[in-house]
Every structure is written in C-alpha cells, then in structure tokens.
Amino acid sequence: MTEVNVTMTESAAKRIAKIIASETDKNALRISVEGGGCSGFSYKFDLTGDRQDDDIVIERDNARVLIDQMSLVYMEGSEIDFVDNLLGQSFQIKNPNAVASCGCGTSFAI
C-alpha cells in the first residue's frame, strides 16, 4: 500500500463535504495533475462518483479526495486548502515540490 503524504485542511474538508452533499451521484473530489498551464503543470478539480483501482483516497470530516498514482508523484507532501478571501473562493494546493507557480495558484513547475 502506498503511503500518502498529502493532507487536507479543515477548511477544504468542510467545503468538499458541502459540495458533495448536494450532489446525488458524486461522492468525491478528484484532483489530478495535467501538463499545461502557464508554469508547466496544472491542477484539475472534478466531482466524481467513480473510484479507480489505483486511486489514493484522502478522507476527513465526511470529505473524500481521490488522486491517481501519476498525479500523486507531483503532489507528494502537498496540502489541499480552500481559501475564501477578497480575490474569491478557490481550492489551492500548497505543493513543496513546486519551484514556480502562477498567480492563479492552479499552475506550477517542478
């Protein structure tokens, strides 16, 4: 079994739980890493009801996050957070592996 070194803040867990509670066929937030974005890689957030065999599951306070094995390589040691400030509301990934990121917080470079 793969040891997961990705965490979720209380704020993120509350927001995810609230979102999936209002969805009938979705029970998790899938976070994946894709090529692209202004810094090389970008995070993709999707609601899902489908868990894949190789997904890593992170749970906290009725919130469930799914991360595939390939994305986990890029997200090792990261913290999933939900921020609500003057700039708006968004999920943010605090990734210690990222050497550069963009202002929007969804794109990064390793």
N, C-alpha and C. Protein backbone atom coordinates (compact mmCIF):
# COMPACT_ATOMS: atom_id res chain seq x y z
N MET A 1 0.85 -1.20 0.00
CA MET A 1 0.00 0.00 0.00
C MET A 1 0.88 1.25 0.00
N THR A 2 0.53 2.21 -0.79
CA THR A 2 1.28 3.44 -0.91
C THR A 2 1.00 4.35 0.27
N GLU A 3 2.06 4.87 0.87
CA GLU A 3 1.87 5.82 1.96
C GLU A 3 1.56 7.18 1.36
N VAL A 4 0.49 7.77 1.83
CA VAL A 4 0.05 9.05 1.28
C VAL A 4 0.58 10.18 2.14
N ASN A 5 1.25 11.11 1.49
CA ASN A 5 1.81 12.25 2.19
C ASN A 5 1.15 13.53 1.69
N VAL A 6 -0.16 13.45 1.43
CA VAL A 6 -0.95 14.60 1.02
C VAL A 6 -2.01 14.81 2.09
N THR A 7 -2.18 16.05 2.53
CA THR A 7 -3.14 16.34 3.60
C THR A 7 -4.20 17.31 3.09
N MET A 8 -5.27 17.40 3.87
CA MET A 8 -6.39 18.28 3.56
C MET A 8 -6.69 19.12 4.80
N THR A 9 -6.80 20.44 4.62
CA THR A 9 -7.11 21.30 5.76
C THR A 9 -8.58 21.14 6.15
N GLU A 10 -8.91 21.60 7.33
CA GLU A 10 -10.29 21.57 7.80
C GLU A 10 -11.19 22.40 6.88
N SER A 11 -10.69 23.53 6.43
CA SER A 11 -11.44 24.40 5.53
C SER A 11 -11.76 23.68 4.21
N ALA A 12 -10.79 22.98 3.65
CA ALA A 12 -11.02 22.23 2.41
C ALA A 12 -12.01 21.10 2.65
N ALA A 13 -11.86 20.39 3.76
CA ALA A 13 -12.76 19.27 4.06
C ALA A 13 -14.21 19.76 4.19
N LYS A 14 -14.41 20.87 4.87
CA LYS A 14 -15.77 21.40 5.04
C LYS A 14 -16.38 21.78 3.69
N ARG A 15 -15.60 22.41 2.83
CA ARG A 15 -16.11 22.84 1.52
C ARG A 15 -16.40 21.63 0.63
N ILE A 16 -15.52 20.65 0.61
CA ILE A 16 -15.74 19.45 -0.19
C ILE A 16 -16.97 18.70 0.29
N ALA A 17 -17.11 18.53 1.61
CA ALA A 17 -18.28 17.84 2.17
C ALA A 17 -19.57 18.55 1.79
N LYS A 18 -19.55 19.88 1.83
CA LYS A 18 -20.73 20.66 1.48
C LYS A 18 -21.08 20.48 0.00
N ILE A 19 -20.07 20.48 -0.86
CA ILE A 19 -20.30 20.33 -2.29
C ILE A 19 -20.86 18.95 -2.62
N ILE A 20 -20.24 17.90 -2.09
CA ILE A 20 -20.68 16.55 -2.46
C ILE A 20 -22.01 16.18 -1.79
N ALA A 21 -22.35 16.85 -0.70
CA ALA A 21 -23.64 16.58 -0.05
C ALA A 21 -24.80 17.01 -0.95
N SER A 22 -24.56 17.98 -1.82
CA SER A 22 -25.62 18.47 -2.70
C SER A 22 -25.66 17.73 -4.04
N GLU A 23 -24.77 16.78 -4.23
CA GLU A 23 -24.72 16.01 -5.47
C GLU A 23 -25.25 14.60 -5.23
N THR A 24 -26.14 14.14 -6.09
CA THR A 24 -26.73 12.81 -5.89
C THR A 24 -25.83 11.68 -6.36
N ASP A 25 -25.08 11.90 -7.44
CA ASP A 25 -24.27 10.81 -7.99
C ASP A 25 -22.77 11.04 -7.84
N LYS A 26 -22.37 12.02 -7.06
CA LYS A 26 -20.96 12.32 -6.84
C LYS A 26 -20.64 12.17 -5.36
N ASN A 27 -19.49 11.56 -5.06
CA ASN A 27 -19.14 11.37 -3.64
C ASN A 27 -17.70 11.74 -3.32
N ALA A 28 -17.00 12.36 -4.29
CA ALA A 28 -15.60 12.72 -4.04
C ALA A 28 -15.16 13.84 -4.97
N LEU A 29 -14.10 14.50 -4.57
CA LEU A 29 -13.43 15.49 -5.42
C LEU A 29 -12.17 14.83 -5.95
N ARG A 30 -12.05 14.73 -7.27
CA ARG A 30 -10.85 14.18 -7.88
C ARG A 30 -9.91 15.32 -8.21
N ILE A 31 -8.65 15.19 -7.76
CA ILE A 31 -7.62 16.17 -8.09
C ILE A 31 -6.57 15.45 -8.93
N SER A 32 -6.29 16.03 -10.08
CA SER A 32 -5.28 15.44 -10.95
C SER A 32 -4.32 16.52 -11.44
N VAL A 33 -3.17 16.08 -11.90
CA VAL A 33 -2.15 16.98 -12.43
C VAL A 33 -2.06 16.72 -13.92
N GLU A 34 -2.11 17.80 -14.70
CA GLU A 34 -2.04 17.70 -16.15
C GLU A 34 -0.92 18.60 -16.66
N GLY A 35 -0.39 18.24 -17.82
CA GLY A 35 0.57 19.12 -18.47
C GLY A 35 -0.15 20.34 -18.99
N GLY A 36 0.51 21.48 -18.94
CA GLY A 36 -0.10 22.73 -19.41
C GLY A 36 -0.13 23.77 -18.33
N GLY A 37 -0.83 24.82 -18.55
CA GLY A 37 -0.85 25.93 -17.60
C GLY A 37 0.34 26.84 -17.84
N CYS A 38 0.33 27.99 -17.24
CA CYS A 38 1.38 28.97 -17.52
C CYS A 38 2.72 28.61 -16.89
N SER A 39 2.76 27.62 -15.99
CA SER A 39 4.03 27.23 -15.37
C SER A 39 4.44 25.79 -15.68
N GLY A 40 3.74 25.12 -16.57
CA GLY A 40 4.15 23.77 -16.96
C GLY A 40 3.19 22.66 -16.61
N PHE A 41 2.65 22.70 -15.42
CA PHE A 41 1.66 21.72 -14.97
C PHE A 41 0.48 22.48 -14.38
N SER A 42 -0.69 21.85 -14.38
CA SER A 42 -1.84 22.49 -13.75
C SER A 42 -2.67 21.45 -13.00
N TYR A 43 -3.38 21.90 -11.99
CA TYR A 43 -4.27 21.05 -11.22
C TYR A 43 -5.64 21.06 -11.85
N LYS A 44 -6.28 19.91 -11.87
CA LYS A 44 -7.63 19.80 -12.39
C LYS A 44 -8.51 19.27 -11.25
N PHE A 45 -9.66 19.89 -11.04
CA PHE A 45 -10.59 19.51 -9.98
C PHE A 45 -11.89 19.06 -10.62
N ASP A 46 -12.35 17.86 -10.29
CA ASP A 46 -13.59 17.32 -10.83
C ASP A 46 -14.36 16.61 -9.73
N LEU A 47 -15.68 16.76 -9.74
CA LEU A 47 -16.52 15.94 -8.87
C LEU A 47 -16.71 14.60 -9.54
N THR A 48 -16.69 13.53 -8.76
CA THR A 48 -16.81 12.20 -9.34
C THR A 48 -17.55 11.24 -8.42
N GLY A 49 -18.10 10.23 -9.01
CA GLY A 49 -18.69 9.14 -8.26
C GLY A 49 -17.96 7.85 -8.54
N ASP A 50 -16.92 7.94 -9.38
CA ASP A 50 -16.17 6.76 -9.80
C ASP A 50 -14.78 6.73 -9.20
N ARG A 51 -14.50 5.68 -8.46
CA ARG A 51 -13.16 5.48 -7.92
C ARG A 51 -12.45 4.44 -8.77
N GLN A 52 -11.23 4.77 -9.18
CA GLN A 52 -10.41 3.85 -9.96
C GLN A 52 -9.58 2.98 -9.02
N ASP A 53 -9.15 1.83 -9.51
CA ASP A 53 -8.39 0.89 -8.68
C ASP A 53 -7.09 1.47 -8.12
N ASP A 54 -6.45 2.38 -8.87
CA ASP A 54 -5.17 2.91 -8.41
C ASP A 54 -5.29 4.26 -7.69
N ASP A 55 -6.52 4.70 -7.43
CA ASP A 55 -6.71 5.98 -6.73
C ASP A 55 -6.26 5.91 -5.28
N ILE A 56 -5.67 6.99 -4.84
CA ILE A 56 -5.37 7.19 -3.43
C ILE A 56 -6.56 7.97 -2.86
N VAL A 57 -7.06 7.55 -1.70
CA VAL A 57 -8.21 8.20 -1.08
C VAL A 57 -7.77 8.94 0.16
N ILE A 58 -8.13 10.20 0.24
CA ILE A 58 -7.85 11.02 1.42
C ILE A 58 -9.20 11.43 1.98
N GLU A 59 -9.45 11.12 3.25
CA GLU A 59 -10.74 11.44 3.85
C GLU A 59 -10.55 12.24 5.13
N ARG A 60 -11.47 13.18 5.33
CA ARG A 60 -11.50 13.97 6.55
C ARG A 60 -12.89 14.59 6.68
N ASP A 61 -13.51 14.42 7.83
CA ASP A 61 -14.79 15.08 8.14
C ASP A 61 -15.83 14.95 7.01
N ASN A 62 -16.11 13.74 6.58
CA ASN A 62 -17.10 13.45 5.54
C ASN A 62 -16.72 13.98 4.15
N ALA A 63 -15.47 14.33 3.97
CA ALA A 63 -14.98 14.78 2.66
C ALA A 63 -14.03 13.72 2.12
N ARG A 64 -14.12 13.46 0.82
CA ARG A 64 -13.26 12.46 0.19
C ARG A 64 -12.60 13.07 -1.04
N VAL A 65 -11.27 12.91 -1.12
CA VAL A 65 -10.49 13.35 -2.27
C VAL A 65 -9.85 12.13 -2.90
N LEU A 66 -9.90 12.05 -4.21
CA LEU A 66 -9.26 10.97 -4.96
C LEU A 66 -8.11 11.55 -5.78
N ILE A 67 -6.96 10.87 -5.73
CA ILE A 67 -5.79 11.29 -6.51
C ILE A 67 -5.23 10.05 -7.19
N ASP A 68 -5.02 10.12 -8.50
CA ASP A 68 -4.46 8.97 -9.20
C ASP A 68 -2.95 8.87 -8.93
N GLN A 69 -2.38 7.71 -9.17
CA GLN A 69 -0.97 7.44 -8.86
C GLN A 69 -0.02 8.39 -9.59
N MET A 70 -0.30 8.68 -10.86
CA MET A 70 0.59 9.57 -11.63
C MET A 70 0.58 10.99 -11.05
N SER A 71 -0.59 11.48 -10.67
CA SER A 71 -0.69 12.82 -10.10
C SER A 71 -0.03 12.88 -8.73
N LEU A 72 -0.13 11.77 -7.99
CA LEU A 72 0.45 11.72 -6.65
C LEU A 72 1.96 11.97 -6.68
N VAL A 73 2.62 11.52 -7.73
CA VAL A 73 4.06 11.74 -7.88
C VAL A 73 4.38 13.24 -7.81
N TYR A 74 3.55 14.06 -8.44
CA TYR A 74 3.77 15.50 -8.47
C TYR A 74 3.26 16.21 -7.22
N MET A 75 2.36 15.56 -6.49
CA MET A 75 1.73 16.21 -5.34
C MET A 75 2.28 15.76 -3.99
N GLU A 76 3.27 14.91 -3.98
CA GLU A 76 3.82 14.37 -2.73
C GLU A 76 4.15 15.49 -1.75
N GLY A 77 3.63 15.38 -0.53
CA GLY A 77 3.89 16.37 0.51
C GLY A 77 2.99 17.60 0.46
N SER A 78 2.02 17.62 -0.44
CA SER A 78 1.16 18.80 -0.62
C SER A 78 0.05 18.87 0.42
N GLU A 79 -0.49 20.07 0.55
CA GLU A 79 -1.66 20.31 1.40
C GLU A 79 -2.76 20.91 0.54
N ILE A 80 -3.95 20.31 0.62
CA ILE A 80 -5.12 20.82 -0.10
C ILE A 80 -5.84 21.79 0.83
N ASP A 81 -6.08 23.00 0.35
CA ASP A 81 -6.71 24.02 1.17
C ASP A 81 -7.85 24.66 0.39
N PHE A 82 -8.78 25.27 1.11
CA PHE A 82 -9.83 26.07 0.49
C PHE A 82 -9.71 27.47 1.05
N VAL A 83 -9.59 28.45 0.17
CA VAL A 83 -9.37 29.83 0.57
C VAL A 83 -10.56 30.68 0.15
N ASP A 84 -11.03 31.49 1.06
CA ASP A 84 -12.12 32.42 0.78
C ASP A 84 -11.64 33.80 1.22
N ASN A 85 -11.24 34.64 0.23
CA ASN A 85 -10.72 35.96 0.57
C ASN A 85 -11.23 36.99 -0.44
N LEU A 86 -10.67 38.17 -0.44
CA LEU A 86 -11.12 39.24 -1.33
C LEU A 86 -10.98 38.89 -2.80
N LEU A 87 -10.07 37.99 -3.13
CA LEU A 87 -9.86 37.58 -4.52
C LEU A 87 -10.87 36.53 -4.97
N GLY A 88 -11.61 35.96 -4.02
CA GLY A 88 -12.61 34.96 -4.35
C GLY A 88 -12.41 33.68 -3.56
N GLN A 89 -13.15 32.65 -3.96
CA GLN A 89 -13.07 31.35 -3.31
C GLN A 89 -12.39 30.37 -4.25
N SER A 90 -11.48 29.57 -3.70
CA SER A 90 -10.83 28.58 -4.55
C SER A 90 -10.13 27.51 -3.71
N PHE A 91 -10.01 26.33 -4.33
CA PHE A 91 -9.15 25.31 -3.74
C PHE A 91 -7.73 25.63 -4.15
N GLN A 92 -6.80 25.49 -3.22
CA GLN A 92 -5.40 25.74 -3.51
C GLN A 92 -4.57 24.56 -3.03
N ILE A 93 -3.54 24.23 -3.78
CA ILE A 93 -2.63 23.17 -3.42
C ILE A 93 -1.32 23.81 -3.00
N LYS A 94 -0.93 23.59 -1.75
CA LYS A 94 0.36 24.09 -1.28
C LYS A 94 1.36 22.96 -1.49
N ASN A 95 2.12 23.07 -2.58
CA ASN A 95 2.99 21.99 -3.03
C ASN A 95 4.45 22.34 -2.78
N PRO A 96 5.13 21.60 -1.88
CA PRO A 96 6.53 21.89 -1.58
C PRO A 96 7.47 21.54 -2.73
N ASN A 97 6.99 20.77 -3.71
CA ASN A 97 7.82 20.38 -4.85
C ASN A 97 7.85 21.44 -5.94
N ALA A 98 6.90 22.35 -5.92
CA ALA A 98 6.79 23.36 -6.97
C ALA A 98 7.90 24.40 -6.80
N VAL A 99 8.65 24.61 -7.87
CA VAL A 99 9.72 25.62 -7.83
C VAL A 99 9.23 26.96 -8.37
N ALA A 100 8.10 26.93 -9.07
CA ALA A 100 7.48 28.15 -9.59
C ALA A 100 5.99 27.91 -9.68
N SER A 101 5.22 28.97 -9.52
CA SER A 101 3.78 28.86 -9.69
C SER A 101 3.25 30.17 -10.24
N CYS A 102 2.04 30.13 -10.72
CA CYS A 102 1.45 31.33 -11.29
C CYS A 102 0.57 32.02 -10.25
N GLY A 103 0.12 33.19 -10.58
CA GLY A 103 -0.71 33.95 -9.65
C GLY A 103 -2.04 33.33 -9.34
N CYS A 104 -2.57 32.53 -10.26
CA CYS A 104 -3.90 31.93 -10.05
C CYS A 104 -3.83 30.75 -9.08
N GLY A 105 -2.63 30.21 -8.85
CA GLY A 105 -2.48 29.12 -7.89
C GLY A 105 -2.85 27.74 -8.41
N THR A 106 -3.17 27.62 -9.71
CA THR A 106 -3.52 26.32 -10.25
C THR A 106 -2.46 25.78 -11.20
N SER A 107 -1.42 26.52 -11.44
CA SER A 107 -0.35 26.09 -12.35
C SER A 107 0.97 26.13 -11.60
N PHE A 108 1.86 25.16 -11.91
CA PHE A 108 3.13 25.11 -11.19
C PHE A 108 4.21 24.45 -12.05
N ALA A 109 5.45 24.58 -11.62
CA ALA A 109 6.58 23.93 -12.29
C ALA A 109 7.37 23.17 -11.25
N ILE A 110 7.97 22.06 -11.68
CA ILE A 110 8.81 21.24 -10.78
C ILE A 110 10.21 21.20 -11.35
